[in-house]
């Protein structure tokens, strides 16, 4: 069985900066995985490579055993760090757009999440706060029945009161056979939903462990281990 995501000696260079340096990584299906590291460690670069937005300098990245392309885009749901929705659209129009674009988009699920978060379908993107825009984007992504979800800072711009609901939205709206990769610096907030963590540092894998292994072998939380590894 192929891995949800696999890297083989993956290297990405932005001359003269080496963003990823010969990394080897295997992520199993059916897990929620935290991709964690300080700024500039290569997290967003890795996610963009997996989504086909960047090409490797050398090595390979595989999604379900295939290189990024048209076939993998059908099964990968990507949430970028920055808002990308056209400002003139309403929330309802973004749902219709995704329904037209993705065969695996569940519009009934999306409408339910909009309602639960108190977002009207008639609300225009340009009138929304940064946090509300990010909620709409997350709804769009999590309403796809994807094999791999790549979420770059999904709770970075929302208030603490909404974070629990958003995390619950993530864990209750993905297929149990799917894989969710969450890239964030808010480790304490997401630790409770994670099965596994990958620490990136200066373009290399510093650590890959399950959350249970960290608690049993290290005797500490993921947040505490992160602070120890990166001295923050």
C-alpha atoms as a PDB file:
ATOM      1  CA  UNK A   1       0.000   0.000   0.000  1.00  0.00           C
ATOM      2  CA  UNK A   2       1.330   3.443  -0.933  1.00  0.00           C
ATOM      3  CA  UNK A   3       1.839   6.215   1.585  1.00  0.00           C
ATOM      4  CA  UNK A   4      -0.431   9.249   1.740  1.00  0.00           C
ATOM      5  CA  UNK A   5       2.681  11.380   1.238  1.00  0.00           C
ATOM      6  CA  UNK A   6       6.245  10.295   0.639  1.00  0.00           C
ATOM      7  CA  UNK A   7       9.463  12.246   0.134  1.00  0.00           C
ATOM      8  CA  UNK A   8      12.559  10.634  -1.341  1.00  0.00           C
ATOM      9  CA  UNK A   9      15.734  12.697  -0.974  1.00  0.00           C
ATOM     10  CA  UNK A  10      13.569  15.752  -1.585  1.00  0.00           C
ATOM     11  CA  UNK A  11      15.494  18.976  -2.078  1.00  0.00           C
ATOM     12  CA  UNK A  12      14.242  22.473  -2.848  1.00  0.00           C
ATOM     13  CA  UNK A  13      16.603  25.368  -3.344  1.00  0.00           C
ATOM     14  CA  UNK A  14      15.759  29.050  -3.714  1.00  0.00           C
ATOM     15  CA  UNK A  15      19.148  30.269  -4.788  1.00  0.00           C
ATOM     16  CA  UNK A  16      21.141  30.739  -2.632  1.00  0.00           C
ATOM     17  CA  UNK A  17      18.818  29.430   0.114  1.00  0.00           C
ATOM     18  CA  UNK A  18      18.327  25.702   0.666  1.00  0.00           C
ATOM     19  CA  UNK A  19      14.716  25.344   1.848  1.00  0.00           C
ATOM     20  CA  UNK A  20      14.598  21.526   1.980  1.00  0.00           C
ATOM     21  CA  UNK A  21      17.723  19.387   2.139  1.00  0.00           C
ATOM     22  CA  UNK A  22      17.524  15.746   1.033  1.00  0.00           C
ATOM     23  CA  UNK A  23      14.563  14.882   3.249  1.00  0.00           C
ATOM     24  CA  UNK A  24      13.076  11.404   3.431  1.00  0.00           C
ATOM     25  CA  UNK A  25       9.573  11.208   4.886  1.00  0.00           C
ATOM     26  CA  UNK A  26       6.679   8.754   4.897  1.00  0.00           C
ATOM     27  CA  UNK A  27       3.200   9.677   6.147  1.00  0.00           C
ATOM     28  CA  UNK A  28       0.652   6.906   6.578  1.00  0.00           C
ATOM     29  CA  UNK A  29      -2.989   7.083   5.610  1.00  0.00           C
ATOM     30  CA  UNK A  30      -5.690   7.734   8.188  1.00  0.00           C
ATOM     31  CA  UNK A  31      -3.771  10.062  10.507  1.00  0.00           C
ATOM     32  CA  UNK A  32      -3.807  13.706  11.600  1.00  0.00           C
ATOM     33  CA  UNK A  33      -0.210  14.896  11.479  1.00  0.00           C
ATOM     34  CA  UNK A  34       1.326  18.108  12.738  1.00  0.00           C
ATOM     35  CA  UNK A  35       4.048  19.583  10.524  1.00  0.00           C
ATOM     36  CA  UNK A  36       5.863  21.776  13.008  1.00  0.00           C
ATOM     37  CA  UNK A  37       8.944  23.947  13.054  1.00  0.00           C
ATOM     38  CA  UNK A  38      10.196  27.523  13.484  1.00  0.00           C
ATOM     39  CA  UNK A  39       9.793  30.149  10.771  1.00  0.00           C
ATOM     40  CA  UNK A  40      11.936  29.364   7.753  1.00  0.00           C
ATOM     41  CA  UNK A  41      12.167  25.644   8.499  1.00  0.00           C
ATOM     42  CA  UNK A  42      10.610  24.579   5.174  1.00  0.00           C
ATOM     43  CA  UNK A  43       7.042  23.722   6.226  1.00  0.00           C
ATOM     44  CA  UNK A  44       5.191  25.822   3.651  1.00  0.00           C
ATOM     45  CA  UNK A  45       7.654  24.833   0.938  1.00  0.00           C
ATOM     46  CA  UNK A  46       6.931  21.162   1.609  1.00  0.00           C
ATOM     47  CA  UNK A  47       3.168  21.738   1.481  1.00  0.00           C
ATOM     48  CA  UNK A  48       3.451  23.699  -1.780  1.00  0.00           C
ATOM     49  CA  UNK A  49       5.567  20.932  -3.310  1.00  0.00           C
ATOM     50  CA  UNK A  50       2.952  18.362  -2.308  1.00  0.00           C
ATOM     51  CA  UNK A  51       0.251  20.492  -3.907  1.00  0.00           C
ATOM     52  CA  UNK A  52       2.205  20.890  -7.147  1.00  0.00           C
ATOM     53  CA  UNK A  53       2.692  24.648  -6.748  1.00  0.00           C
ATOM     54  CA  UNK A  54       6.473  24.197  -6.695  1.00  0.00           C
ATOM     55  CA  UNK A  55       8.756  21.664  -8.359  1.00  0.00           C
ATOM     56  CA  UNK A  56      11.644  19.945  -6.546  1.00  0.00           C
ATOM     57  CA  UNK A  57      15.221  20.917  -7.271  1.00  0.00           C
ATOM     58  CA  UNK A  58      15.995  17.214  -6.914  1.00  0.00           C
ATOM     59  CA  UNK A  59      14.453  14.102  -5.401  1.00  0.00           C
ATOM     60  CA  UNK A  60      10.788  13.097  -5.393  1.00  0.00           C
ATOM     61  CA  UNK A  61       7.548  13.840  -3.616  1.00  0.00           C
ATOM     62  CA  UNK A  62       4.688  11.376  -4.075  1.00  0.00           C
ATOM     63  CA  UNK A  63       0.993  11.553  -3.225  1.00  0.00           C
ATOM     64  CA  UNK A  64      -0.511   8.067  -2.984  1.00  0.00           C
ATOM     65  CA  UNK A  65       2.450   6.826  -5.009  1.00  0.00           C
ATOM     66  CA  UNK A  66       2.025   9.445  -7.767  1.00  0.00           C
ATOM     67  CA  UNK A  67       3.877  12.640  -8.520  1.00  0.00           C
ATOM     68  CA  UNK A  68       1.914  15.896  -8.080  1.00  0.00           C
ATOM     69  CA  UNK A  69      -0.232  16.620 -11.128  1.00  0.00           C
ATOM     70  CA  UNK A  70      -3.790  16.569 -12.421  1.00  0.00           C
ATOM     71  CA  UNK A  71      -4.587  13.207 -10.830  1.00  0.00           C
ATOM     72  CA  UNK A  72      -3.334  14.155  -7.365  1.00  0.00           C
ATOM     73  CA  UNK A  73      -5.100  17.532  -7.440  1.00  0.00           C
ATOM     74  CA  UNK A  74      -8.373  15.594  -7.568  1.00  0.00           C
ATOM     75  CA  UNK A  75      -7.634  13.989  -4.188  1.00  0.00           C
ATOM     76  CA  UNK A  76      -5.658  16.741  -2.405  1.00  0.00           C
ATOM     77  CA  UNK A  77      -7.486  19.548  -0.586  1.00  0.00           C
ATOM     78  CA  UNK A  78      -5.188  22.493   0.127  1.00  0.00           C
ATOM     79  CA  UNK A  79      -5.694  25.391   2.520  1.00  0.00           C
ATOM     80  CA  UNK A  80      -3.062  28.102   1.907  1.00  0.00           C
ATOM     81  CA  UNK A  81      -1.862  30.426   4.617  1.00  0.00           C
ATOM     82  CA  UNK A  82      -3.135  33.518   2.792  1.00  0.00           C
ATOM     83  CA  UNK A  83      -6.661  34.379   1.664  1.00  0.00           C
ATOM     84  CA  UNK A  84      -7.141  33.693  -2.037  1.00  0.00           C
ATOM     85  CA  UNK A  85     -10.910  34.078  -2.530  1.00  0.00           C
ATOM     86  CA  UNK A  86     -12.055  36.859  -4.923  1.00  0.00           C
ATOM     87  CA  UNK A  87     -13.295  39.798  -2.855  1.00  0.00           C
ATOM     88  CA  UNK A  88     -16.397  40.332  -4.988  1.00  0.00           C
ATOM     89  CA  UNK A  89     -17.791  36.852  -4.308  1.00  0.00           C
ATOM     90  CA  UNK A  90     -20.350  36.034  -1.643  1.00  0.00           C
ATOM     91  CA  UNK A  91     -19.900  33.047   0.647  1.00  0.00           C
ATOM     92  CA  UNK A  92     -22.617  31.249  -1.298  1.00  0.00           C
ATOM     93  CA  UNK A  93     -20.884  31.928  -4.607  1.00  0.00           C
ATOM     94  CA  UNK A  94     -17.643  30.406  -3.323  1.00  0.00           C
ATOM     95  CA  UNK A  95     -19.568  27.224  -2.486  1.00  0.00           C
ATOM     96  CA  UNK A  96     -21.065  27.104  -5.974  1.00  0.00           C
ATOM     97  CA  UNK A  97     -17.617  27.705  -7.473  1.00  0.00           C
ATOM     98  CA  UNK A  98     -16.112  24.781  -5.569  1.00  0.00           C
ATOM     99  CA  UNK A  99     -19.074  22.572  -6.454  1.00  0.00           C
ATOM    100  CA  UNK A 100     -18.491  23.278 -10.146  1.00  0.00           C
ATOM    101  CA  UNK A 101     -14.735  22.780  -9.870  1.00  0.00           C
ATOM    102  CA  UNK A 102     -14.440  19.681  -7.643  1.00  0.00           C
ATOM    103  CA  UNK A 103     -16.435  16.480  -8.130  1.00  0.00           C
ATOM    104  CA  UNK A 104     -15.800  15.506  -4.497  1.00  0.00           C
ATOM    105  CA  UNK A 105     -17.208  18.747  -3.019  1.00  0.00           C
ATOM    106  CA  UNK A 106     -20.138  18.226  -0.630  1.00  0.00           C
ATOM    107  CA  UNK A 107     -22.156  21.458  -0.787  1.00  0.00           C
ATOM    108  CA  UNK A 108     -24.674  20.297   1.842  1.00  0.00           C
ATOM    109  CA  UNK A 109     -21.827  19.835   4.321  1.00  0.00           C
ATOM    110  CA  UNK A 110     -20.437  23.263   3.439  1.00  0.00           C
ATOM    111  CA  UNK A 111     -23.800  24.978   3.904  1.00  0.00           C
ATOM    112  CA  UNK A 112     -24.204  23.317   7.300  1.00  0.00           C
ATOM    113  CA  UNK A 113     -20.783  24.539   8.452  1.00  0.00           C
ATOM    114  CA  UNK A 114     -21.499  28.074   7.230  1.00  0.00           C
ATOM    115  CA  UNK A 115     -24.670  28.099   9.291  1.00  0.00           C
ATOM    116  CA  UNK A 116     -22.947  26.721  12.392  1.00  0.00           C
ATOM    117  CA  UNK A 117     -20.299  29.436  12.189  1.00  0.00           C
ATOM    118  CA  UNK A 118     -22.922  32.156  11.704  1.00  0.00           C
ATOM    119  CA  UNK A 119     -21.816  33.106   8.192  1.00  0.00           C
ATOM    120  CA  UNK A 120     -24.571  34.159   5.793  1.00  0.00           C
ATOM    121  CA  UNK A 121     -24.414  32.933   2.195  1.00  0.00           C
ATOM    122  CA  UNK A 122     -25.093  36.516   1.053  1.00  0.00           C
ATOM    123  CA  UNK A 123     -22.050  37.914   2.935  1.00  0.00           C
ATOM    124  CA  UNK A 124     -19.372  39.220   0.568  1.00  0.00           C
ATOM    125  CA  UNK A 125     -15.732  38.256   1.055  1.00  0.00           C
ATOM    126  CA  UNK A 126     -14.639  41.921   0.951  1.00  0.00           C
ATOM    127  CA  UNK A 127     -16.790  42.744   3.998  1.00  0.00           C
ATOM    128  CA  UNK A 128     -15.474  39.868   6.114  1.00  0.00           C
ATOM    129  CA  UNK A 129     -12.816  40.037   8.790  1.00  0.00           C
ATOM    130  CA  UNK A 130      -9.559  38.128   8.232  1.00  0.00           C
ATOM    131  CA  UNK A 131     -10.721  35.428  10.626  1.00  0.00           C
ATOM    132  CA  UNK A 132     -14.082  34.978   8.876  1.00  0.00           C
ATOM    133  CA  UNK A 133     -12.373  34.711   5.479  1.00  0.00           C
ATOM    134  CA  UNK A 134     -10.175  31.956   6.887  1.00  0.00           C
ATOM    135  CA  UNK A 135     -13.239  30.155   8.232  1.00  0.00           C
ATOM    136  CA  UNK A 136     -14.849  30.225   4.779  1.00  0.00           C
ATOM    137  CA  UNK A 137     -11.674  28.866   3.199  1.00  0.00           C
ATOM    138  CA  UNK A 138     -11.490  26.068   5.773  1.00  0.00           C
ATOM    139  CA  UNK A 139     -15.143  25.180   5.144  1.00  0.00           C
ATOM    140  CA  UNK A 140     -14.458  24.937   1.411  1.00  0.00           C
ATOM    141  CA  UNK A 141     -11.458  22.677   1.942  1.00  0.00           C
ATOM    142  CA  UNK A 142     -13.022  20.392   4.565  1.00  0.00           C
ATOM    143  CA  UNK A 143     -16.183  19.961   2.472  1.00  0.00           C
ATOM    144  CA  UNK A 144     -14.208  18.002  -0.089  1.00  0.00           C
ATOM    145  CA  UNK A 145     -14.034  14.217   0.298  1.00  0.00           C
ATOM    146  CA  UNK A 146     -10.275  14.190  -0.257  1.00  0.00           C
ATOM    147  CA  UNK A 147      -7.554  11.625   0.418  1.00  0.00           C
ATOM    148  CA  UNK A 148      -5.074  14.212   1.687  1.00  0.00           C
ATOM    149  CA  UNK A 149      -5.772  17.549   3.374  1.00  0.00           C
ATOM    150  CA  UNK A 150      -2.911  20.061   3.518  1.00  0.00           C
ATOM    151  CA  UNK A 151      -3.748  22.848   5.965  1.00  0.00           C
ATOM    152  CA  UNK A 152      -1.303  25.742   6.307  1.00  0.00           C
ATOM    153  CA  UNK A 153      -2.064  27.697   9.507  1.00  0.00           C
ATOM    154  CA  UNK A 154      -5.792  26.821   9.638  1.00  0.00           C
ATOM    155  CA  UNK A 155      -6.349  28.565  12.988  1.00  0.00           C
ATOM    156  CA  UNK A 156      -3.740  31.308  12.785  1.00  0.00           C
ATOM    157  CA  UNK A 157      -6.149  34.173  12.143  1.00  0.00           C
ATOM    158  CA  UNK A 158      -9.161  33.185  14.234  1.00  0.00           C
ATOM    159  CA  UNK A 159      -9.999  34.109  17.801  1.00  0.00           C
ATOM    160  CA  UNK A 160      -9.339  31.557  20.561  1.00  0.00           C
ATOM    161  CA  UNK A 161     -13.069  30.979  21.081  1.00  0.00           C
ATOM    162  CA  UNK A 162     -13.434  29.730  17.489  1.00  0.00           C
ATOM    163  CA  UNK A 163     -10.369  27.487  17.500  1.00  0.00           C
ATOM    164  CA  UNK A 164     -12.011  24.561  19.269  1.00  0.00           C
ATOM    165  CA  UNK A 165     -14.907  24.600  16.819  1.00  0.00           C
ATOM    166  CA  UNK A 166     -12.547  24.762  13.844  1.00  0.00           C
ATOM    167  CA  UNK A 167     -10.432  21.885  15.154  1.00  0.00           C
ATOM    168  CA  UNK A 168     -13.588  19.888  15.776  1.00  0.00           C
ATOM    169  CA  UNK A 169     -14.651  20.734  12.208  1.00  0.00           C
ATOM    170  CA  UNK A 170     -11.373  19.297  10.937  1.00  0.00           C
ATOM    171  CA  UNK A 171     -11.548  16.027  12.863  1.00  0.00           C
ATOM    172  CA  UNK A 172     -15.239  15.398  12.153  1.00  0.00           C
ATOM    173  CA  UNK A 173     -15.279  16.300   8.458  1.00  0.00           C
ATOM    174  CA  UNK A 174     -12.584  14.138   6.927  1.00  0.00           C
ATOM    175  CA  UNK A 175     -12.693  10.504   5.858  1.00  0.00           C
ATOM    176  CA  UNK A 176     -11.079   8.206   8.438  1.00  0.00           C
ATOM    177  CA  UNK A 177      -8.989   6.711   5.641  1.00  0.00           C
ATOM    178  CA  UNK A 178      -7.722  10.180   4.705  1.00  0.00           C
ATOM    179  CA  UNK A 179      -4.663  11.990   6.005  1.00  0.00           C
ATOM    180  CA  UNK A 180      -4.643  15.524   7.413  1.00  0.00           C
ATOM    181  CA  UNK A 181      -1.406  17.507   7.581  1.00  0.00           C
ATOM    182  CA  UNK A 182      -1.626  20.632   9.742  1.00  0.00           C
ATOM    183  CA  UNK A 183       1.145  23.216   9.553  1.00  0.00           C
ATOM    184  CA  UNK A 184       0.957  25.641  12.480  1.00  0.00           C
ATOM    185  CA  UNK A 185       2.870  27.435  15.209  1.00  0.00           C
ATOM    186  CA  UNK A 186      -0.057  27.149  17.670  1.00  0.00           C
ATOM    187  CA  UNK A 187       1.049  23.751  18.932  1.00  0.00           C
ATOM    188  CA  UNK A 188      -0.729  23.853  22.289  1.00  0.00           C
ATOM    189  CA  UNK A 189      -4.059  24.440  20.548  1.00  0.00           C
ATOM    190  CA  UNK A 190      -3.823  21.572  18.057  1.00  0.00           C
ATOM    191  CA  UNK A 191      -1.951  18.975  20.122  1.00  0.00           C
ATOM    192  CA  UNK A 192      -5.137  17.270  21.278  1.00  0.00           C
ATOM    193  CA  UNK A 193      -6.192  16.359  17.720  1.00  0.00           C
ATOM    194  CA  UNK A 194      -2.811  15.059  16.491  1.00  0.00           C
ATOM    195  CA  UNK A 195      -1.800  11.440  16.006  1.00  0.00           C
ATOM    196  CA  UNK A 196       1.756  12.166  14.911  1.00  0.00           C
ATOM    197  CA  UNK A 197       4.202  15.054  14.568  1.00  0.00           C
ATOM    198  CA  UNK A 198       7.023  15.904  12.206  1.00  0.00           C
ATOM    199  CA  UNK A 199       9.528  18.532  13.347  1.00  0.00           C
ATOM    200  CA  UNK A 200      11.297  20.419  10.556  1.00  0.00           C
ATOM    201  CA  UNK A 201      14.400  22.479  11.211  1.00  0.00           C
ATOM    202  CA  UNK A 202      16.527  24.270   8.627  1.00  0.00           C
ATOM    203  CA  UNK A 203      15.107  22.143   5.827  1.00  0.00           C
ATOM    204  CA  UNK A 204      15.683  18.793   7.509  1.00  0.00           C
ATOM    205  CA  UNK A 205      13.592  16.343   9.539  1.00  0.00           C
ATOM    206  CA  UNK A 206      14.518  16.878  13.182  1.00  0.00           C
ATOM    207  CA  UNK A 207      12.015  14.360  14.589  1.00  0.00           C
ATOM    208  CA  UNK A 208       9.082  12.165  13.568  1.00  0.00           C
ATOM    209  CA  UNK A 209       7.094  10.469  16.340  1.00  0.00           C
ATOM    210  CA  UNK A 210       3.549   9.621  17.305  1.00  0.00           C
ATOM    211  CA  UNK A 211       2.008  11.733  20.044  1.00  0.00           C
ATOM    212  CA  UNK A 212       1.660   8.617  22.228  1.00  0.00           C
ATOM    213  CA  UNK A 213       5.397   7.877  21.824  1.00  0.00           C
ATOM    214  CA  UNK A 214       6.259  11.414  22.873  1.00  0.00           C
ATOM    215  CA  UNK A 215       4.147  11.145  26.008  1.00  0.00           C
ATOM    216  CA  UNK A 216       5.334   7.641  26.914  1.00  0.00           C
ATOM    217  CA  UNK A 217       9.023   7.864  25.955  1.00  0.00           C
ATOM    218  CA  UNK A 218       9.714  11.555  26.539  1.00  0.00           C
ATOM    219  CA  UNK A 219       7.224  12.089  29.366  1.00  0.00           C
ATOM    220  CA  UNK A 220       6.131  15.462  28.029  1.00  0.00           C
ATOM    221  CA  UNK A 221       3.624  17.179  25.789  1.00  0.00           C
ATOM    222  CA  UNK A 222       4.264  17.934  22.117  1.00  0.00           C
ATOM    223  CA  UNK A 223       4.409  21.638  22.973  1.00  0.00           C
ATOM    224  CA  UNK A 224       7.007  21.041  25.695  1.00  0.00           C
ATOM    225  CA  UNK A 225       9.111  18.821  23.421  1.00  0.00           C
ATOM    226  CA  UNK A 226       8.963  21.419  20.658  1.00  0.00           C
ATOM    227  CA  UNK A 227      10.225  24.086  23.058  1.00  0.00           C
ATOM    228  CA  UNK A 228      13.024  21.799  24.194  1.00  0.00           C
ATOM    229  CA  UNK A 229      14.120  20.841  20.674  1.00  0.00           C
ATOM    230  CA  UNK A 230      14.007  24.380  19.357  1.00  0.00           C
ATOM    231  CA  UNK A 231      14.856  26.162  22.629  1.00  0.00           C
ATOM    232  CA  UNK A 232      11.929  28.575  22.464  1.00  0.00           C
END
